[in-house]
């Protein structure tokens, strides 16, 4: 694969994304699980992406990401939220290239088209041992372990989870169908999650940033997590939108936002944080790049856990996935540990509102998050033994 490019279609009806290939692919598949996400899997015995040239992005086509799998490549194409297109892939008859056609469509047509797909989790196709290499301890002989090593090893145990119910007090968060308030829904889900951890993972301590209907600012939430020396920070939220037809769950980890949808969620969640000048606090690109350089291990682990939660939402909770995304959430930035922010669903959607406010629905969501935490803990501890 030499480069990826995109250009307006000659008929003026959309875009064409071109994967420039020196040899034709054996096969490929395409899904579009959300209006702003297209996923492809490319099959060939030897796909070489060394030196690949990526396109110059714009507000419509915002990023292309590649994932090397065992026998194929996964591809995520992030589109602008304002772009309403239906995608289709086909081989170019005049070359070895693969073409992805984006055809302008109505929002309703796109909504109907995307509902037939579930987002792919490329990390489930990657060898977990490779995905967790960054956590692997240096090789050493058990006979040479001294007391200092045992003390260090004790600090590496996964034994503290910080649960952060979003909003609270004077900040209700999203107010959805039938006046369902985000702050109440997520507090209930958070307590159920904490109960599952305490019952089934008794060696893990649970710390809440709030246990009642009170307001805790975003900076203090991070401070609570850091003082407790948490191993994982989980911030739980419920989304809302102007259209009652939008639904589905999303999981975020810290980084530069890759889509307009992620940016809109980030703006809503960051809007409750003000600096000492009472101006809205926004993380700059420089802030996030510095954080990523200083905490690359946390970023990698956060992404891994985010995909595990997303998979549980699809398989355990049977929720429509809107994918795993990156954005500059202040509350995640403040926590010096692996951290994820979960949008459990849309309170503005009547069906999801009923699910998220029911004891059954909250138990299913909490159970799905718990299972991901449990599975990650087991994977992590294997790397420590």
Protein backbone atom coordinates (compact mmCIF):
# COMPACT_ATOMS: atom_id res chain seq x y z
CA UNK A 1 0.00 0.00 0.00
CA UNK A 2 1.75 3.13 -1.21
CA UNK A 3 -0.63 5.91 -0.23
CA UNK A 4 -4.22 6.86 0.54
CA UNK A 5 -5.91 9.78 -1.20
CA UNK A 6 -9.37 11.23 -1.55
CA UNK A 7 -11.01 13.63 -3.98
CA UNK A 8 -14.48 14.88 -4.93
CA UNK A 9 -16.29 12.55 -7.31
CA UNK A 10 -16.49 13.56 -10.95
CA UNK A 11 -20.29 13.43 -10.84
CA UNK A 12 -20.41 15.83 -7.88
CA UNK A 13 -22.30 13.32 -5.74
CA UNK A 14 -19.70 12.79 -3.02
CA UNK A 15 -16.08 11.68 -2.57
CA UNK A 16 -13.84 8.81 -3.62
CA UNK A 17 -11.18 7.49 -1.23
CA UNK A 18 -8.44 5.59 -3.07
CA UNK A 19 -6.10 3.00 -1.54
CA UNK A 20 -3.13 2.96 -3.92
CA UNK A 21 -1.93 -0.65 -4.19
CA UNK A 22 1.01 -2.17 -6.07
CA UNK A 23 -0.87 -5.50 -6.12
CA UNK A 24 -4.59 -6.19 -5.98
CA UNK A 25 -6.07 -7.24 -2.64
CA UNK A 26 -7.26 -10.83 -2.24
CA UNK A 27 -10.54 -9.59 -0.75
CA UNK A 28 -12.02 -6.85 1.40
CA UNK A 29 -15.09 -5.99 3.46
CA UNK A 30 -16.70 -2.67 4.40
CA UNK A 31 -19.14 -1.63 7.12
CA UNK A 32 -20.39 1.79 8.22
CA UNK A 33 -21.54 1.47 11.86
CA UNK A 34 -22.01 5.23 12.34
CA UNK A 35 -22.44 8.26 10.12
CA UNK A 36 -18.90 9.40 10.94
CA UNK A 37 -17.12 6.01 10.91
CA UNK A 38 -16.33 3.64 8.03
CA UNK A 39 -14.43 0.40 8.73
CA UNK A 40 -12.72 -1.87 6.22
CA UNK A 41 -10.82 -5.12 6.53
CA UNK A 42 -8.23 -5.69 3.79
CA UNK A 43 -6.98 -9.20 3.05
CA UNK A 44 -3.69 -10.02 1.33
CA UNK A 45 -0.77 -12.31 2.14
CA UNK A 46 1.64 -9.37 2.30
CA UNK A 47 0.32 -5.83 2.79
CA UNK A 48 3.29 -3.49 3.21
CA UNK A 49 2.43 -0.08 4.70
CA UNK A 50 6.02 1.05 5.31
CA UNK A 51 6.35 4.64 4.13
CA UNK A 52 2.66 4.98 3.31
CA UNK A 53 1.51 8.53 2.53
CA UNK A 54 -1.70 9.64 4.20
CA UNK A 55 -3.94 12.30 2.66
CA UNK A 56 -4.25 15.91 3.70
CA UNK A 57 -7.42 15.83 5.76
CA UNK A 58 -10.29 18.31 5.75
CA UNK A 59 -13.55 18.81 7.66
CA UNK A 60 -15.23 15.99 5.71
CA UNK A 61 -12.54 13.27 5.74
CA UNK A 62 -10.77 13.78 9.06
CA UNK A 63 -8.50 10.77 9.60
CA UNK A 64 -7.60 7.28 8.39
CA UNK A 65 -6.14 4.80 10.91
CA UNK A 66 -4.61 1.39 10.12
CA UNK A 67 -4.42 -1.68 12.40
CA UNK A 68 -2.13 -4.60 11.55
CA UNK A 69 -3.99 -7.83 12.26
CA UNK A 70 -2.74 -11.41 12.00
CA UNK A 71 -3.80 -12.00 8.39
CA UNK A 72 -5.23 -8.66 7.33
CA UNK A 73 -5.37 -4.92 7.98
CA UNK A 74 -8.19 -3.10 9.76
CA UNK A 75 -8.98 0.43 8.63
CA UNK A 76 -10.97 3.16 10.40
CA UNK A 77 -12.03 6.18 8.34
CA UNK A 78 -13.33 9.09 10.43
CA UNK A 79 -15.69 11.53 8.72
CA UNK A 80 -17.03 14.93 9.75
CA UNK A 81 -20.37 14.75 11.53
CA UNK A 82 -21.86 17.23 9.07
CA UNK A 83 -21.06 14.91 6.13
CA UNK A 84 -24.00 12.61 5.39
CA UNK A 85 -22.88 9.84 3.05
CA UNK A 86 -23.37 6.14 2.39
CA UNK A 87 -20.18 4.21 1.62
CA UNK A 88 -19.39 1.42 -0.82
CA UNK A 89 -16.07 -0.25 -1.74
CA UNK A 90 -15.05 -1.76 -5.06
CA UNK A 91 -11.81 -2.54 -6.98
CA UNK A 92 -10.66 -0.08 -9.65
CA UNK A 93 -10.86 -1.85 -13.01
CA UNK A 94 -8.07 0.33 -14.44
CA UNK A 95 -5.49 -0.33 -11.70
CA UNK A 96 -4.71 -2.43 -8.62
CA UNK A 97 -6.33 0.15 -6.32
CA UNK A 98 -9.29 -0.19 -3.98
CA UNK A 99 -11.89 2.59 -4.16
CA UNK A 100 -14.35 3.65 -1.47
CA UNK A 101 -17.22 5.71 -2.83
CA UNK A 102 -18.97 8.16 -0.49
CA UNK A 103 -22.39 9.11 -1.85
CA UNK A 104 -24.28 12.11 -0.48
CA UNK A 105 -27.49 10.98 1.24
CA UNK A 106 -30.15 12.32 3.58
CA UNK A 107 -29.65 12.01 7.35
CA UNK A 108 -32.54 9.55 7.49
CA UNK A 109 -31.03 7.36 4.75
CA UNK A 110 -27.68 7.33 6.54
CA UNK A 111 -29.33 6.48 9.87
CA UNK A 112 -31.18 3.52 8.35
CA UNK A 113 -28.05 2.32 6.53
CA UNK A 114 -25.74 2.45 9.57
CA UNK A 115 -28.14 0.67 11.92
CA UNK A 116 -27.47 -2.66 10.22
CA UNK A 117 -23.80 -2.67 11.33
CA UNK A 118 -21.95 -3.06 14.62
CA UNK A 119 -18.56 -1.38 14.99
CA UNK A 120 -15.56 -3.70 14.75
CA UNK A 121 -13.11 -3.94 17.63
CA UNK A 122 -9.76 -4.44 15.90
CA UNK A 123 -8.04 -5.09 19.24
CA UNK A 124 -9.89 -8.37 19.64
CA UNK A 125 -8.11 -9.52 16.46
CA UNK A 126 -4.69 -8.53 17.76
CA UNK A 127 -2.73 -10.96 19.95
CA UNK A 128 -3.45 -9.75 23.50
CA UNK A 129 0.14 -10.53 24.48
CA UNK A 130 1.35 -8.07 21.85
CA UNK A 131 -1.28 -5.50 22.77
CA UNK A 132 -0.08 -5.54 26.37
CA UNK A 133 3.67 -5.63 25.73
CA UNK A 134 4.03 -2.21 27.32
CA UNK A 135 2.88 -3.71 30.64
CA UNK A 136 5.18 -6.73 30.58
CA UNK A 137 7.78 -6.77 33.38
CA UNK A 138 11.44 -7.21 32.65
CA UNK A 139 12.57 -10.82 32.70
CA UNK A 140 14.25 -11.87 35.93
CA UNK A 141 14.95 -15.05 37.79
CA UNK A 142 12.54 -15.79 40.68
CA UNK A 143 15.49 -16.88 42.77
CA UNK A 144 16.97 -13.36 42.56
CA UNK A 145 13.85 -11.50 43.69
CA UNK A 146 14.69 -9.44 46.75
CA UNK A 147 12.55 -7.48 49.16
CA UNK A 148 12.78 -4.27 47.13
CA UNK A 149 11.48 -6.07 44.05
CA UNK A 150 8.59 -7.51 46.06
CA UNK A 151 7.67 -4.00 47.20
CA UNK A 152 7.72 -2.72 43.63
CA UNK A 153 5.69 -5.71 42.48
CA UNK A 154 3.11 -4.94 45.14
CA UNK A 155 2.64 -1.46 43.68
CA UNK A 156 2.01 -3.00 40.26
CA UNK A 157 -1.05 -4.91 41.42
CA UNK A 158 -4.39 -3.91 39.94
CA UNK A 159 -6.20 -3.19 43.19
CA UNK A 160 -7.89 0.23 43.03
CA UNK A 161 -10.63 1.41 40.66
CA UNK A 162 -11.91 4.98 40.68
CA UNK A 163 -15.56 5.31 39.65
CA UNK A 164 -16.60 8.80 38.59
CA UNK A 165 -20.36 9.42 38.23
CA UNK A 166 -20.57 12.48 35.97
CA UNK A 167 -22.11 15.82 36.98
CA UNK A 168 -24.10 16.14 40.24
CA UNK A 169 -25.52 18.82 42.52
CA UNK A 170 -26.41 21.99 40.63
CA UNK A 171 -25.15 20.38 37.38
CA UNK A 172 -27.79 17.90 36.14
CA UNK A 173 -25.88 16.99 32.98
CA UNK A 174 -28.11 16.06 30.05
CA UNK A 175 -31.83 16.27 30.75
CA UNK A 176 -33.60 13.86 28.45
CA UNK A 177 -36.97 12.38 27.67
CA UNK A 178 -39.47 12.79 30.53
CA UNK A 179 -36.91 14.98 32.34
CA UNK A 180 -34.56 12.09 33.07
CA UNK A 181 -31.42 13.64 34.57
CA UNK A 182 -27.99 12.35 33.67
CA UNK A 183 -26.60 12.95 37.17
CA UNK A 184 -29.16 10.57 38.71
CA UNK A 185 -28.86 7.84 36.08
CA UNK A 186 -25.06 7.67 36.16
CA UNK A 187 -24.88 7.72 39.96
CA UNK A 188 -27.14 4.66 40.08
CA UNK A 189 -25.12 2.84 37.39
CA UNK A 190 -21.88 3.75 39.19
CA UNK A 191 -23.07 2.30 42.50
CA UNK A 192 -24.15 -0.91 40.81
CA UNK A 193 -20.73 -1.16 39.15
CA UNK A 194 -19.01 -0.59 42.48
CA UNK A 195 -21.15 -3.29 44.11
CA UNK A 196 -20.21 -5.81 41.41
CA UNK A 197 -16.51 -5.06 41.88
CA UNK A 198 -16.72 -5.34 45.67
CA UNK A 199 -18.62 -8.63 45.47
CA UNK A 200 -16.73 -10.41 42.70
CA UNK A 201 -13.28 -8.77 42.96
CA UNK A 202 -12.86 -8.45 46.74
CA UNK A 203 -9.16 -7.63 46.40
CA UNK A 204 -9.99 -4.45 44.47
CA UNK A 205 -10.79 -1.26 46.36
CA UNK A 206 -13.53 0.99 44.94
CA UNK A 207 -13.24 4.77 45.30
CA UNK A 208 -16.07 7.07 44.19
CA UNK A 209 -15.57 10.71 43.23
CA UNK A 210 -19.09 11.27 44.55
CA UNK A 211 -21.56 8.96 46.30
CA UNK A 212 -24.41 11.45 46.67
CA UNK A 213 -26.06 14.17 44.61
CA UNK A 214 -23.31 16.74 45.03
CA UNK A 215 -21.15 18.73 42.64
CA UNK A 216 -17.45 17.89 42.33
CA UNK A 217 -15.44 19.90 39.82
CA UNK A 218 -13.41 18.08 37.18
CA UNK A 219 -10.04 18.98 38.65
CA UNK A 220 -11.01 17.63 42.08
CA UNK A 221 -12.26 14.38 40.53
CA UNK A 222 -8.78 13.81 39.13
CA UNK A 223 -7.21 14.74 42.47
CA UNK A 224 -9.38 12.18 44.28
CA UNK A 225 -8.20 9.52 41.84
CA UNK A 226 -4.54 10.50 42.16
CA UNK A 227 -4.60 10.61 45.96
CA UNK A 228 -6.04 7.09 45.98
CA UNK A 229 -3.29 5.93 43.58
CA UNK A 230 -5.91 4.36 41.35
CA UNK A 231 -5.12 1.78 38.70
CA UNK A 232 -8.10 2.73 36.52
CA UNK A 233 -10.37 5.78 36.30
CA UNK A 234 -13.87 5.17 34.88
CA UNK A 235 -16.04 8.24 34.27
CA UNK A 236 -19.69 7.33 33.57
CA UNK A 237 -22.07 9.57 31.62
CA UNK A 238 -25.28 9.55 29.57
CA UNK A 239 -25.50 11.43 26.29
CA UNK A 240 -28.16 13.67 24.79
CA UNK A 241 -28.89 15.19 21.41
CA UNK A 242 -31.38 17.47 19.68
CA UNK A 243 -32.78 14.53 17.68
CA UNK A 244 -34.66 11.86 19.60
CA UNK A 245 -33.73 9.23 16.99
CA UNK A 246 -30.00 9.19 17.85
CA UNK A 247 -28.95 6.31 20.09
CA UNK A 248 -26.02 4.09 21.04
CA UNK A 249 -23.07 3.96 23.44
CA UNK A 250 -19.54 5.34 23.04
CA UNK A 251 -16.31 4.88 24.96
CA UNK A 252 -13.63 7.58 24.98
CA UNK A 253 -9.99 7.77 25.99
CA UNK A 254 -7.82 10.88 26.16
CA UNK A 255 -6.29 12.32 23.02
CA UNK A 256 -6.92 14.64 20.11
CA UNK A 257 -10.51 14.34 18.92
CA UNK A 258 -10.80 12.42 15.64
CA UNK A 259 -14.33 13.40 14.64
CA UNK A 260 -16.85 16.21 15.04
CA UNK A 261 -19.08 13.90 17.09
CA UNK A 262 -16.27 13.32 19.60
CA UNK A 263 -15.59 17.06 19.71
CA UNK A 264 -19.24 17.85 20.50
CA UNK A 265 -19.31 15.34 23.37
CA UNK A 266 -16.02 16.75 24.68
CA UNK A 267 -17.38 20.32 24.62
CA UNK A 268 -20.47 19.32 26.59
CA UNK A 269 -18.53 17.41 29.25
CA UNK A 270 -15.78 20.06 29.56
CA UNK A 271 -18.31 22.90 29.80
CA UNK A 272 -18.72 22.35 33.56
CA UNK A 273 -15.04 23.14 34.15
CA UNK A 274 -13.85 26.74 34.48
CA UNK A 275 -10.43 28.08 35.30
CA UNK A 276 -9.84 30.76 37.90
CA UNK A 277 -10.84 33.46 35.41
CA UNK A 278 -14.25 31.79 34.97
CA UNK A 279 -13.48 31.14 31.33
CA UNK A 280 -14.26 27.81 29.70
CA UNK A 281 -11.19 25.58 30.00
CA UNK A 282 -10.15 23.75 26.85
CA UNK A 283 -7.15 21.48 26.43
CA UNK A 284 -4.93 22.65 23.61
CA UNK A 285 -3.33 20.35 21.07
CA UNK A 286 -0.01 21.07 22.79
CA UNK A 287 -1.45 20.03 26.18
CA UNK A 288 -2.60 16.71 24.76
CA UNK A 289 0.62 16.01 22.86
CA UNK A 290 2.70 16.65 25.99
CA UNK A 291 0.40 14.36 27.99
CA UNK A 292 0.67 11.61 25.37
CA UNK A 293 4.48 11.83 25.40
CA UNK A 294 4.61 11.70 29.21
CA UNK A 295 1.94 9.02 29.64
CA UNK A 296 2.19 6.85 26.54
CA UNK A 297 1.66 3.71 28.64
CA UNK A 298 -1.55 5.10 30.13
CA UNK A 299 -2.85 6.06 26.68
CA UNK A 300 -2.19 2.57 25.28
CA UNK A 301 -3.83 0.89 28.28
CA UNK A 302 -6.80 3.27 28.18
CA UNK A 303 -7.39 2.46 24.53
CA UNK A 304 -7.20 -1.27 25.24
CA UNK A 305 -9.71 -1.03 28.10
CA UNK A 306 -12.01 1.20 26.04
CA UNK A 307 -12.25 -1.46 23.35
CA UNK A 308 -12.92 -4.15 25.95
CA UNK A 309 -15.80 -2.10 27.39
CA UNK A 310 -17.16 -1.41 23.91
CA UNK A 311 -17.11 -5.13 23.14
CA UNK A 312 -19.02 -5.90 26.33
CA UNK A 313 -21.63 -3.29 25.46
CA UNK A 314 -22.24 -5.04 22.14
CA UNK A 315 -22.13 -8.63 23.38
CA UNK A 316 -23.32 -8.41 27.00
CA UNK A 317 -25.61 -5.37 26.92
CA UNK A 318 -26.68 -5.75 23.27
CA UNK A 319 -26.25 -2.01 22.71
CA UNK A 320 -25.56 -0.29 19.40
CA UNK A 321 -21.92 0.77 19.44
CA UNK A 322 -20.95 4.22 18.24
CA UNK A 323 -17.34 3.18 18.54
CA UNK A 324 -14.24 3.94 20.59
CA UNK A 325 -13.06 7.52 20.19
CA UNK A 326 -10.45 9.98 21.43
CA UNK A 327 -11.13 13.47 22.76
CA UNK A 328 -9.61 15.99 25.15
CA UNK A 329 -11.73 15.47 28.26
CA UNK A 330 -10.51 17.54 31.19
CA UNK A 331 -11.59 14.91 33.72
CA UNK A 332 -9.42 12.26 32.00
CA UNK A 333 -6.50 14.69 31.68
CA UNK A 334 -6.51 15.29 35.44
CA UNK A 335 -6.22 11.58 36.30
CA UNK A 336 -2.65 10.25 36.17
CA UNK A 337 -3.61 6.66 35.36
CA UNK A 338 -5.38 4.72 32.61
CA UNK A 339 -8.74 6.45 32.19
CA UNK A 340 -11.88 6.09 30.09
CA UNK A 341 -15.10 8.06 29.76
CA UNK A 342 -18.26 6.11 28.94
CA UNK A 343 -21.38 7.55 27.30
CA UNK A 344 -23.85 4.80 28.18
CA UNK A 345 -26.60 5.95 25.80
CA UNK A 346 -28.86 8.86 24.84
CA UNK A 347 -31.41 10.07 27.38
CA UNK A 348 -32.95 12.08 24.54
CA UNK A 349 -34.00 8.81 22.87
CA UNK A 350 -37.25 7.51 24.47
CA UNK A 351 -36.28 3.83 24.18
CA UNK A 352 -32.79 4.37 25.61
CA UNK A 353 -34.19 6.64 28.32
CA UNK A 354 -36.49 3.84 29.47
CA UNK A 355 -33.60 1.36 29.42
CA UNK A 356 -31.12 3.61 31.23
CA UNK A 357 -33.59 4.64 33.95
CA UNK A 358 -34.75 1.08 34.64
CA UNK A 359 -33.14 -1.10 37.28
CA UNK A 360 -32.72 -3.84 34.66
CA UNK A 361 -31.00 -1.57 32.15
CA UNK A 362 -28.68 -0.05 34.74
CA UNK A 363 -27.72 -3.53 35.96
CA UNK A 364 -26.94 -4.66 32.40
CA UNK A 365 -24.77 -1.59 31.73
CA UNK A 366 -22.94 -1.91 35.07
CA UNK A 367 -22.41 -5.64 34.50
CA UNK A 368 -20.92 -5.00 31.05
CA UNK A 369 -18.44 -2.46 32.43
CA UNK A 370 -17.59 -4.80 35.31
CA UNK A 371 -16.85 -7.70 32.97
CA UNK A 372 -14.44 -5.57 30.96
CA UNK A 373 -12.64 -4.46 34.13
CA UNK A 374 -12.49 -8.06 35.38
CA UNK A 375 -11.13 -9.33 32.06
CA UNK A 376 -8.52 -6.57 31.88
CA UNK A 377 -7.43 -7.27 35.48
CA UNK A 378 -6.90 -10.93 34.57
CA UNK A 379 -4.87 -10.01 31.47
CA UNK A 380 -2.82 -7.48 33.39
CA UNK A 381 -1.98 -9.87 36.21
CA UNK A 382 -0.82 -12.52 33.72
CA UNK A 383 1.85 -10.07 32.55
CA UNK A 384 3.02 -9.61 36.15
CA UNK A 385 3.53 -13.34 36.84
